[in-house]
Amino acid sequence: MKTTLIATALSSLAVLASAQAYFEVAITFTGADGAYYNQHFPTDDNSHPITNSMVVYNISSAGGGFCTFGGVNGTDVVVFGPETVAVDPPQAMSWGDCQTD
């Protein structure tokens, strides 16, 4: 009985230790004349599509995560933590990928 309880407890700890704590990063994409849209990206280190075709001038995050965004014209933009980064040249974004560090 004690052996089973200990084995179960150790197994549960191993599962918890291997579980990754993901969160979502709130990103704001800003275009011309103050137009903008928001999208949340999980910090799972996977590429997620961006389907809004607005031409983006700046990408900003209120904090958390390390994110890379790919533009339709091939420009990659990196946003780390709470910052605003210019997209040069401005273009629509096609994908985003965030992670925890």
PDB file of N, CA and C in Angstrom:
ATOM      1  N   MET A   1       0.831  -1.199   0.000  1.00  0.00           N
ATOM      2  CA  MET A   1       0.000   0.000   0.000  1.00  0.00           C
ATOM      3  C   MET A   1       0.867   1.251   0.000  1.00  0.00           C
ATOM      4  N   LYS A   2       1.872   1.303   0.923  1.00  0.00           N
ATOM      5  CA  LYS A   2       2.748   2.468   0.989  1.00  0.00           C
ATOM      6  C   LYS A   2       3.562   2.601  -0.290  1.00  0.00           C
ATOM      7  N   THR A   3       4.016   1.470  -0.816  1.00  0.00           N
ATOM      8  CA  THR A   3       4.808   1.486  -2.045  1.00  0.00           C
ATOM      9  C   THR A   3       3.991   2.046  -3.200  1.00  0.00           C
ATOM     10  N   THR A   4       2.736   1.643  -3.306  1.00  0.00           N
ATOM     11  CA  THR A   4       1.853   2.133  -4.366  1.00  0.00           C
ATOM     12  C   THR A   4       1.610   3.626  -4.206  1.00  0.00           C
ATOM     13  N   LEU A   5       1.399   4.078  -2.993  1.00  0.00           N
ATOM     14  CA  LEU A   5       1.163   5.500  -2.732  1.00  0.00           C
ATOM     15  C   LEU A   5       2.393   6.329  -3.094  1.00  0.00           C
ATOM     16  N   ILE A   6       3.563   5.848  -2.725  1.00  0.00           N
ATOM     17  CA  ILE A   6       4.812   6.550  -3.039  1.00  0.00           C
ATOM     18  C   ILE A   6       5.037   6.576  -4.552  1.00  0.00           C
ATOM     19  N   ALA A   7       4.810   5.456  -5.215  1.00  0.00           N
ATOM     20  CA  ALA A   7       4.994   5.392  -6.670  1.00  0.00           C
ATOM     21  C   ALA A   7       4.029   6.342  -7.374  1.00  0.00           C
ATOM     22  N   THR A   8       2.796   6.392  -6.911  1.00  0.00           N
ATOM     23  CA  THR A   8       1.809   7.293  -7.502  1.00  0.00           C
ATOM     24  C   THR A   8       2.213   8.750  -7.297  1.00  0.00           C
ATOM     25  N   ALA A   9       2.685   9.078  -6.108  1.00  0.00           N
ATOM     26  CA  ALA A   9       3.111  10.452  -5.815  1.00  0.00           C
ATOM     27  C   ALA A   9       4.298  10.844  -6.679  1.00  0.00           C
ATOM     28  N   LEU A  10       5.272   9.965  -6.811  1.00  0.00           N
ATOM     29  CA  LEU A  10       6.447  10.260  -7.640  1.00  0.00           C
ATOM     30  C   LEU A  10       6.064  10.402  -9.109  1.00  0.00           C
ATOM     31  N   SER A  11       5.151   9.571  -9.557  1.00  0.00           N
ATOM     32  CA  SER A  11       4.690   9.658 -10.941  1.00  0.00           C
ATOM     33  C   SER A  11       3.986  10.988 -11.189  1.00  0.00           C
ATOM     34  N   SER A  12       3.166  11.426 -10.250  1.00  0.00           N
ATOM     35  CA  SER A  12       2.467  12.712 -10.378  1.00  0.00           C
ATOM     36  C   SER A  12       3.452  13.871 -10.411  1.00  0.00           C
ATOM     37  N   LEU A  13       4.485  13.808  -9.579  1.00  0.00           N
ATOM     38  CA  LEU A  13       5.503  14.860  -9.577  1.00  0.00           C
ATOM     39  C   LEU A  13       6.245  14.905 -10.902  1.00  0.00           C
ATOM     40  N   ALA A  14       6.535  13.760 -11.475  1.00  0.00           N
ATOM     41  CA  ALA A  14       7.238  13.719 -12.758  1.00  0.00           C
ATOM     42  C   ALA A  14       6.389  14.344 -13.860  1.00  0.00           C
ATOM     43  N   VAL A  15       5.092  14.077 -13.849  1.00  0.00           N
ATOM     44  CA  VAL A  15       4.195  14.665 -14.845  1.00  0.00           C
ATOM     45  C   VAL A  15       4.144  16.175 -14.677  1.00  0.00           C
ATOM     46  N   LEU A  16       4.031  16.651 -13.450  1.00  0.00           N
ATOM     47  CA  LEU A  16       3.998  18.087 -13.198  1.00  0.00           C
ATOM     48  C   LEU A  16       5.299  18.763 -13.600  1.00  0.00           C
ATOM     49  N   ALA A  17       6.413  18.112 -13.325  1.00  0.00           N
ATOM     50  CA  ALA A  17       7.709  18.696 -13.672  1.00  0.00           C
ATOM     51  C   ALA A  17       7.891  18.797 -15.176  1.00  0.00           C
ATOM     52  N   SER A  18       7.323  17.853 -15.928  1.00  0.00           N
ATOM     53  CA  SER A  18       7.488  17.878 -17.382  1.00  0.00           C
ATOM     54  C   SER A  18       6.464  18.772 -18.074  1.00  0.00           C
ATOM     55  N   ALA A  19       5.428  19.159 -17.376  1.00  0.00           N
ATOM     56  CA  ALA A  19       4.391  20.013 -17.978  1.00  0.00           C
ATOM     57  C   ALA A  19       4.926  21.430 -18.145  1.00  0.00           C
ATOM     58  N   GLN A  20       4.771  21.975 -19.328  1.00  0.00           N
ATOM     59  CA  GLN A  20       5.219  23.332 -19.631  1.00  0.00           C
ATOM     60  C   GLN A  20       4.108  24.310 -19.288  1.00  0.00           C
ATOM     61  N   ALA A  21       4.441  25.374 -18.594  1.00  0.00           N
ATOM     62  CA  ALA A  21       3.447  26.388 -18.248  1.00  0.00           C
ATOM     63  C   ALA A  21       3.383  27.418 -19.370  1.00  0.00           C
ATOM     64  N   TYR A  22       2.394  27.294 -20.239  1.00  0.00           N
ATOM     65  CA  TYR A  22       2.215  28.233 -21.336  1.00  0.00           C
ATOM     66  C   TYR A  22       1.295  29.366 -20.908  1.00  0.00           C
ATOM     67  N   PHE A  23       1.481  30.509 -21.519  1.00  0.00           N
ATOM     68  CA  PHE A  23       0.551  31.617 -21.355  1.00  0.00           C
ATOM     69  C   PHE A  23       0.399  32.269 -22.713  1.00  0.00           C
ATOM     70  N   GLU A  24      -0.509  33.202 -22.829  1.00  0.00           N
ATOM     71  CA  GLU A  24      -0.722  33.883 -24.104  1.00  0.00           C
ATOM     72  C   GLU A  24      -0.190  35.305 -24.032  1.00  0.00           C
ATOM     73  N   VAL A  25       0.459  35.720 -25.121  1.00  0.00           N
ATOM     74  CA  VAL A  25       1.003  37.072 -25.229  1.00  0.00           C
ATOM     75  C   VAL A  25       0.033  37.904 -26.063  1.00  0.00           C
ATOM     76  N   ALA A  26      -0.409  39.027 -25.506  1.00  0.00           N
ATOM     77  CA  ALA A  26      -1.314  39.937 -26.221  1.00  0.00           C
ATOM     78  C   ALA A  26      -0.472  40.879 -27.075  1.00  0.00           C
ATOM     79  N   ILE A  27      -0.691  40.841 -28.376  1.00  0.00           N
ATOM     80  CA  ILE A  27       0.071  41.645 -29.327  1.00  0.00           C
ATOM     81  C   ILE A  27      -0.866  42.621 -30.028  1.00  0.00           C
ATOM     82  N   THR A  28      -0.394  43.860 -30.204  1.00  0.00           N
ATOM     83  CA  THR A  28      -1.136  44.871 -30.957  1.00  0.00           C
ATOM     84  C   THR A  28      -0.368  45.194 -32.228  1.00  0.00           C
ATOM     85  N   PHE A  29      -1.049  45.088 -33.355  1.00  0.00           N
ATOM     86  CA  PHE A  29      -0.499  45.422 -34.659  1.00  0.00           C
ATOM     87  C   PHE A  29      -1.100  46.763 -35.065  1.00  0.00           C
ATOM     88  N   THR A  30      -0.253  47.769 -35.310  1.00  0.00           N
ATOM     89  CA  THR A  30      -0.729  49.107 -35.633  1.00  0.00           C
ATOM     90  C   THR A  30      -0.403  49.447 -37.080  1.00  0.00           C
ATOM     91  N   GLY A  31      -1.407  50.014 -37.774  1.00  0.00           N
ATOM     92  CA  GLY A  31      -1.242  50.405 -39.166  1.00  0.00           C
ATOM     93  C   GLY A  31      -1.320  51.912 -39.322  1.00  0.00           C
ATOM     94  N   ALA A  32      -1.674  52.335 -40.501  1.00  0.00           N
ATOM     95  CA  ALA A  32      -1.774  53.769 -40.819  1.00  0.00           C
ATOM     96  C   ALA A  32      -2.975  54.393 -40.121  1.00  0.00           C
ATOM     97  N   ASP A  33      -2.856  55.685 -39.839  1.00  0.00           N
ATOM     98  CA  ASP A  33      -3.947  56.484 -39.283  1.00  0.00           C
ATOM     99  C   ASP A  33      -4.525  55.914 -37.986  1.00  0.00           C
ATOM    100  N   GLY A  34      -3.691  55.242 -37.184  1.00  0.00           N
ATOM    101  CA  GLY A  34      -4.125  54.734 -35.890  1.00  0.00           C
ATOM    102  C   GLY A  34      -4.933  53.444 -35.933  1.00  0.00           C
ATOM    103  N   ALA A  35      -5.092  52.870 -37.121  1.00  0.00           N
ATOM    104  CA  ALA A  35      -5.803  51.597 -37.222  1.00  0.00           C
ATOM    105  C   ALA A  35      -4.973  50.514 -36.520  1.00  0.00           C
ATOM    106  N   TYR A  36      -5.651  49.572 -35.881  1.00  0.00           N
ATOM    107  CA  TYR A  36      -4.921  48.500 -35.203  1.00  0.00           C
ATOM    108  C   TYR A  36      -5.812  47.271 -35.051  1.00  0.00           C
ATOM    109  N   TYR A  37      -5.168  46.162 -34.748  1.00  0.00           N
ATOM    110  CA  TYR A  37      -5.884  44.953 -34.354  1.00  0.00           C
ATOM    111  C   TYR A  37      -5.033  44.223 -33.328  1.00  0.00           C
ATOM    112  N   ASN A  38      -5.689  43.403 -32.523  1.00  0.00           N
ATOM    113  CA  ASN A  38      -5.014  42.627 -31.478  1.00  0.00           C
ATOM    114  C   ASN A  38      -5.134  41.150 -31.784  1.00  0.00           C
ATOM    115  N   GLN A  39      -4.124  40.404 -31.361  1.00  0.00           N
ATOM    116  CA  GLN A  39      -4.177  38.952 -31.459  1.00  0.00           C
ATOM    117  C   GLN A  39      -3.353  38.380 -30.317  1.00  0.00           C
ATOM    118  N   HIS A  40      -3.816  37.275 -29.750  1.00  0.00           N
ATOM    119  CA  HIS A  40      -3.096  36.592 -28.679  1.00  0.00           C
ATOM    120  C   HIS A  40      -2.352  35.390 -29.261  1.00  0.00           C
ATOM    121  N   PHE A  41      -1.114  35.195 -28.786  1.00  0.00           N
ATOM    122  CA  PHE A  41      -0.282  34.089 -29.247  1.00  0.00           C
ATOM    123  C   PHE A  41       0.163  33.253 -28.054  1.00  0.00           C
ATOM    124  N   PRO A  42      -0.075  31.939 -28.094  1.00  0.00           N
ATOM    125  CA  PRO A  42       0.397  31.088 -27.000  1.00  0.00           C
ATOM    126  C   PRO A  42       1.921  30.982 -27.035  1.00  0.00           C
ATOM    127  N   THR A  43       2.526  30.831 -25.878  1.00  0.00           N
ATOM    128  CA  THR A  43       3.992  30.715 -25.797  1.00  0.00           C
ATOM    129  C   THR A  43       4.402  29.248 -25.961  1.00  0.00           C
ATOM    130  N   ASP A  44       3.941  28.629 -27.032  1.00  0.00           N
ATOM    131  CA  ASP A  44       4.219  27.211 -27.270  1.00  0.00           C
ATOM    132  C   ASP A  44       5.302  26.977 -28.322  1.00  0.00           C
ATOM    133  N   ASP A  45       5.960  28.050 -28.766  1.00  0.00           N
ATOM    134  CA  ASP A  45       7.042  27.966 -29.748  1.00  0.00           C
ATOM    135  C   ASP A  45       6.595  27.318 -31.064  1.00  0.00           C
ATOM    136  N   ASN A  46       5.345  27.573 -31.433  1.00  0.00           N
ATOM    137  CA  ASN A  46       4.808  27.112 -32.715  1.00  0.00           C
ATOM    138  C   ASN A  46       4.340  28.313 -33.516  1.00  0.00           C
ATOM    139  N   SER A  47       4.401  28.199 -34.822  1.00  0.00           N
ATOM    140  CA  SER A  47       3.936  29.266 -35.699  1.00  0.00           C
ATOM    141  C   SER A  47       2.411  29.249 -35.768  1.00  0.00           C
ATOM    142  N   HIS A  48       1.816  30.450 -35.606  1.00  0.00           N
ATOM    143  CA  HIS A  48       0.365  30.600 -35.676  1.00  0.00           C
ATOM    144  C   HIS A  48       0.025  31.626 -36.757  1.00  0.00           C
ATOM    145  N   PRO A  49      -0.995  31.347 -37.568  1.00  0.00           N
ATOM    146  CA  PRO A  49      -1.322  32.251 -38.682  1.00  0.00           C
ATOM    147  C   PRO A  49      -1.909  33.578 -38.221  1.00  0.00           C
ATOM    148  N   ILE A  50      -1.609  34.600 -38.997  1.00  0.00           N
ATOM    149  CA  ILE A  50      -2.220  35.919 -38.844  1.00  0.00           C
ATOM    150  C   ILE A  50      -2.988  36.155 -40.140  1.00  0.00           C
ATOM    151  N   THR A  51      -4.291  36.302 -40.034  1.00  0.00           N
ATOM    152  CA  THR A  51      -5.118  36.383 -41.242  1.00  0.00           C
ATOM    153  C   THR A  51      -5.577  37.796 -41.577  1.00  0.00           C
ATOM    154  N   ASN A  52      -5.253  38.772 -40.739  1.00  0.00           N
ATOM    155  CA  ASN A  52      -5.628  40.157 -41.020  1.00  0.00           C
ATOM    156  C   ASN A  52      -4.674  40.710 -42.082  1.00  0.00           C
ATOM    157  N   SER A  53      -5.194  41.281 -43.140  1.00  0.00           N
ATOM    158  CA  SER A  53      -4.370  41.744 -44.256  1.00  0.00           C
ATOM    159  C   SER A  53      -3.928  43.206 -44.130  1.00  0.00           C
ATOM    160  N   MET A  54      -4.220  43.855 -42.992  1.00  0.00           N
ATOM    161  CA  MET A  54      -3.825  45.252 -42.802  1.00  0.00           C
ATOM    162  C   MET A  54      -2.296  45.396 -42.847  1.00  0.00           C
ATOM    163  N   VAL A  55      -1.827  46.449 -43.516  1.00  0.00           N
ATOM    164  CA  VAL A  55      -0.392  46.743 -43.539  1.00  0.00           C
ATOM    165  C   VAL A  55      -0.001  47.262 -42.154  1.00  0.00           C
ATOM    166  N   VAL A  56       1.007  46.625 -41.565  1.00  0.00           N
ATOM    167  CA  VAL A  56       1.414  46.905 -40.186  1.00  0.00           C
ATOM    168  C   VAL A  56       2.663  47.788 -40.181  1.00  0.00           C
ATOM    169  N   TYR A  57       2.631  48.838 -39.358  1.00  0.00           N
ATOM    170  CA  TYR A  57       3.761  49.745 -39.189  1.00  0.00           C
ATOM    171  C   TYR A  57       4.525  49.474 -37.893  1.00  0.00           C
ATOM    172  N   ASN A  58       3.795  49.050 -36.849  1.00  0.00           N
ATOM    173  CA  ASN A  58       4.412  48.762 -35.550  1.00  0.00           C
ATOM    174  C   ASN A  58       3.757  47.543 -34.929  1.00  0.00           C
ATOM    175  N   ILE A  59       4.558  46.803 -34.156  1.00  0.00           N
ATOM    176  CA  ILE A  59       4.059  45.670 -33.380  1.00  0.00           C
ATOM    177  C   ILE A  59       4.442  45.931 -31.933  1.00  0.00           C
ATOM    178  N   SER A  60       3.468  45.781 -31.028  1.00  0.00           N
ATOM    179  CA  SER A  60       3.773  46.036 -29.621  1.00  0.00           C
ATOM    180  C   SER A  60       3.187  44.957 -28.723  1.00  0.00           C
ATOM    181  N   SER A  61       3.856  44.816 -27.572  1.00  0.00           N
ATOM    182  CA  SER A  61       3.429  43.883 -26.540  1.00  0.00           C
ATOM    183  C   SER A  61       3.457  44.615 -25.214  1.00  0.00           C
ATOM    184  N   ALA A  62       2.463  44.347 -24.384  1.00  0.00           N
ATOM    185  CA  ALA A  62       2.424  44.959 -23.053  1.00  0.00           C
ATOM    186  C   ALA A  62       3.383  44.243 -22.094  1.00  0.00           C
ATOM    187  N   GLY A  63       3.880  43.084 -22.484  1.00  0.00           N
ATOM    188  CA  GLY A  63       4.845  42.379 -21.644  1.00  0.00           C
ATOM    189  C   GLY A  63       4.726  40.879 -21.749  1.00  0.00           C
ATOM    190  N   GLY A  64       5.800  40.224 -21.400  1.00  0.00           N
ATOM    191  CA  GLY A  64       5.825  38.770 -21.399  1.00  0.00           C
ATOM    192  C   GLY A  64       6.098  38.190 -22.768  1.00  0.00           C
ATOM    193  N   GLY A  65       6.850  37.128 -22.781  1.00  0.00           N
ATOM    194  CA  GLY A  65       7.105  36.402 -24.005  1.00  0.00           C
ATOM    195  C   GLY A  65       8.192  36.989 -24.885  1.00  0.00           C
ATOM    196  N   PHE A  66       8.691  36.132 -25.734  1.00  0.00           N
ATOM    197  CA  PHE A  66       9.676  36.453 -26.753  1.00  0.00           C
ATOM    198  C   PHE A  66       9.044  36.012 -28.059  1.00  0.00           C
ATOM    199  N   CYS A  67       8.704  36.955 -28.929  1.00  0.00           N
ATOM    200  CA  CYS A  67       7.917  36.638 -30.117  1.00  0.00           C
ATOM    201  C   CYS A  67       8.624  37.068 -31.401  1.00  0.00           C
ATOM    202  N   THR A  68       8.399  36.285 -32.442  1.00  0.00           N
ATOM    203  CA  THR A  68       8.873  36.609 -33.784  1.00  0.00           C
ATOM    204  C   THR A  68       7.673  36.594 -34.712  1.00  0.00           C
ATOM    205  N   PHE A  69       7.606  37.608 -35.581  1.00  0.00           N
ATOM    206  CA  PHE A  69       6.505  37.720 -36.536  1.00  0.00           C
ATOM    207  C   PHE A  69       7.067  37.796 -37.938  1.00  0.00           C
ATOM    208  N   GLY A  70       6.412  37.113 -38.863  1.00  0.00           N
ATOM    209  CA  GLY A  70       6.849  37.106 -40.252  1.00  0.00           C
ATOM    210  C   GLY A  70       5.894  37.885 -41.129  1.00  0.00           C
ATOM    211  N   GLY A  71       6.460  38.759 -41.952  1.00  0.00           N
ATOM    212  CA  GLY A  71       5.657  39.563 -42.867  1.00  0.00           C
ATOM    213  C   GLY A  71       5.483  38.891 -44.211  1.00  0.00           C
ATOM    214  N   VAL A  72       4.470  39.333 -44.963  1.00  0.00           N
ATOM    215  CA  VAL A  72       4.196  38.754 -46.274  1.00  0.00           C
ATOM    216  C   VAL A  72       5.299  39.052 -47.278  1.00  0.00           C
ATOM    217  N   ASN A  73       6.106  40.095 -47.016  1.00  0.00           N
ATOM    218  CA  ASN A  73       7.217  40.434 -47.913  1.00  0.00           C
ATOM    219  C   ASN A  73       8.555  39.917 -47.403  1.00  0.00           C
ATOM    220  N   GLY A  74       8.518  39.050 -46.374  1.00  0.00           N
ATOM    221  CA  GLY A  74       9.736  38.407 -45.910  1.00  0.00           C
ATOM    222  C   GLY A  74      10.436  39.033 -44.724  1.00  0.00           C
ATOM    223  N   THR A  75       9.936  40.135 -44.199  1.00  0.00           N
ATOM    224  CA  THR A  75      10.566  40.771 -43.041  1.00  0.00           C
ATOM    225  C   THR A  75      10.153  40.055 -41.761  1.00  0.00           C
ATOM    226  N   ASP A  76      11.133  39.738 -40.903  1.00  0.00           N
ATOM    227  CA  ASP A  76      10.866  39.184 -39.583  1.00  0.00           C
ATOM    228  C   ASP A  76      11.035  40.282 -38.550  1.00  0.00           C
ATOM    229  N   VAL A  77      10.150  40.313 -37.574  1.00  0.00           N
ATOM    230  CA  VAL A  77      10.182  41.304 -36.503  1.00  0.00           C
ATOM    231  C   VAL A  77      10.196  40.564 -35.182  1.00  0.00           C
ATOM    232  N   VAL A  78      11.133  40.921 -34.297  1.00  0.00           N
ATOM    233  CA  VAL A  78      11.250  40.294 -32.985  1.00  0.00           C
ATOM    234  C   VAL A  78      10.785  41.280 -31.920  1.00  0.00           C
ATOM    235  N   VAL A  79       9.901  40.805 -31.043  1.00  0.00           N
ATOM    236  CA  VAL A  79       9.404  41.602 -29.922  1.00  0.00           C
ATOM    237  C   VAL A  79       9.726  40.829 -28.651  1.00  0.00           C
ATOM    238  N   PHE A  80      10.461  41.461 -27.744  1.00  0.00           N
ATOM    239  CA  PHE A  80      10.848  40.810 -26.495  1.00  0.00           C
ATOM    240  C   PHE A  80      10.319  41.613 -25.314  1.00  0.00           C
ATOM    241  N   GLY A  81       9.343  41.036 -24.620  1.00  0.00           N
ATOM    242  CA  GLY A  81       8.790  41.724 -23.452  1.00  0.00           C
ATOM    243  C   GLY A  81       7.984  42.942 -23.849  1.00  0.00           C
ATOM    244  N   PRO A  82       7.906  43.915 -22.921  1.00  0.00           N
ATOM    245  CA  PRO A  82       7.085  45.108 -23.176  1.00  0.00           C
ATOM    246  C   PRO A  82       7.810  46.119 -24.054  1.00  0.00           C
ATOM    247  N   GLU A  83       7.523  46.099 -25.336  1.00  0.00           N
ATOM    248  CA  GLU A  83       8.147  47.057 -26.247  1.00  0.00           C
ATOM    249  C   GLU A  83       7.320  47.211 -27.508  1.00  0.00           C
ATOM    250  N   THR A  84       7.643  48.259 -28.267  1.00  0.00           N
ATOM    251  CA  THR A  84       7.049  48.498 -29.579  1.00  0.00           C
ATOM    252  C   THR A  84       8.173  48.491 -30.597  1.00  0.00           C
ATOM    253  N   VAL A  85       7.980  47.723 -31.667  1.00  0.00           N
ATOM    254  CA  VAL A  85       9.009  47.582 -32.700  1.00  0.00           C
ATOM    255  C   VAL A  85       8.421  47.981 -34.048  1.00  0.00           C
ATOM    256  N   ALA A  86       9.165  48.775 -34.799  1.00  0.00           N
ATOM    257  CA  ALA A  86       8.731  49.190 -36.134  1.00  0.00           C
ATOM    258  C   ALA A  86       8.894  48.045 -37.128  1.00  0.00           C
ATOM    259  N   VAL A  87       7.963  47.957 -38.059  1.00  0.00           N
ATOM    260  CA  VAL A  87       8.045  46.997 -39.167  1.00  0.00           C
ATOM    261  C   VAL A  87       8.587  47.781 -40.357  1.00  0.00           C
ATOM    262  N   ASP A  88       9.763  47.395 -40.824  1.00  0.00           N
ATOM    263  CA  ASP A  88      10.418  48.154 -41.890  1.00  0.00           C
ATOM    264  C   ASP A  88      10.877  47.220 -42.995  1.00  0.00           C
ATOM    265  N   PRO A  89      10.279  47.293 -44.160  1.00  0.00           N
ATOM    266  CA  PRO A  89       9.197  48.185 -44.563  1.00  0.00           C
ATOM    267  C   PRO A  89       7.854  47.678 -44.033  1.00  0.00           C
ATOM    268  N   PRO A  90       6.892  48.597 -43.860  1.00  0.00           N
ATOM    269  CA  PRO A  90       5.566  48.188 -43.401  1.00  0.00           C
ATOM    270  C   PRO A  90       4.965  47.139 -44.343  1.00  0.00           C
ATOM    271  N   GLN A  91       4.286  46.168 -43.751  1.00  0.00           N
ATOM    272  CA  GLN A  91       3.677  45.094 -44.532  1.00  0.00           C
ATOM    273  C   GLN A  91       2.694  44.322 -43.662  1.00  0.00           C
ATOM    274  N   ALA A  92       1.811  43.578 -44.302  1.00  0.00           N
ATOM    275  CA  ALA A  92       0.906  42.697 -43.573  1.00  0.00           C
ATOM    276  C   ALA A  92       1.730  41.563 -42.961  1.00  0.00           C
ATOM    277  N   MET A  93       1.295  41.075 -41.834  1.00  0.00           N
ATOM    278  CA  MET A  93       1.988  39.972 -41.170  1.00  0.00           C
ATOM    279  C   MET A  93       1.285  38.665 -41.516  1.00  0.00           C
ATOM    280  N   SER A  94       2.048  37.581 -41.626  1.00  0.00           N
ATOM    281  CA  SER A  94       1.436  36.304 -41.991  1.00  0.00           C
ATOM    282  C   SER A  94       1.493  35.256 -40.896  1.00  0.00           C
ATOM    283  N   TRP A  95       2.431  35.367 -39.952  1.00  0.00           N
ATOM    284  CA  TRP A  95       2.522  34.380 -38.874  1.00  0.00           C
ATOM    285  C   TRP A  95       3.198  34.998 -37.648  1.00  0.00           C
ATOM    286  N   GLY A  96       2.971  34.357 -36.496  1.00  0.00           N
ATOM    287  CA  GLY A  96       3.611  34.763 -35.255  1.00  0.00           C
ATOM    288  C   GLY A  96       3.966  33.539 -34.445  1.00  0.00           C
ATOM    289  N   ASP A  97       5.065  33.616 -33.714  1.00  0.00           N
ATOM    290  CA  ASP A  97       5.581  32.516 -32.903  1.00  0.00           C
ATOM    291  C   ASP A  97       6.110  33.100 -31.594  1.00  0.00           C
ATOM    292  N   CYS A  98       5.546  32.687 -30.473  1.00  0.00           N
ATOM    293  CA  CYS A  98       5.999  33.189 -29.171  1.00  0.00           C
ATOM    294  C   CYS A  98       6.473  32.041 -28.288  1.00  0.00           C
ATOM    295  N   GLN A  99       7.409  32.368 -27.411  1.00  0.00           N
ATOM    296  CA  GLN A  99       7.895  31.428 -26.420  1.00  0.00           C
ATOM    297  C   GLN A  99       8.147  32.164 -25.118  1.00  0.00           C
ATOM    298  N   THR A 100       8.494  31.419 -24.082  1.00  0.00           N
ATOM    299  CA  THR A 100       8.639  32.035 -22.767  1.00  0.00           C
ATOM    300  C   THR A 100       9.992  32.668 -22.550  1.00  0.00           C
ATOM    301  N   ASP A 101      10.999  32.298 -23.319  1.00  0.00           N
ATOM    302  CA  ASP A 101      12.308  32.956 -23.164  1.00  0.00           C
ATOM    303  C   ASP A 101      13.085  33.004 -24.439  1.00  0.00           C
TER     304      ASP A 101
END
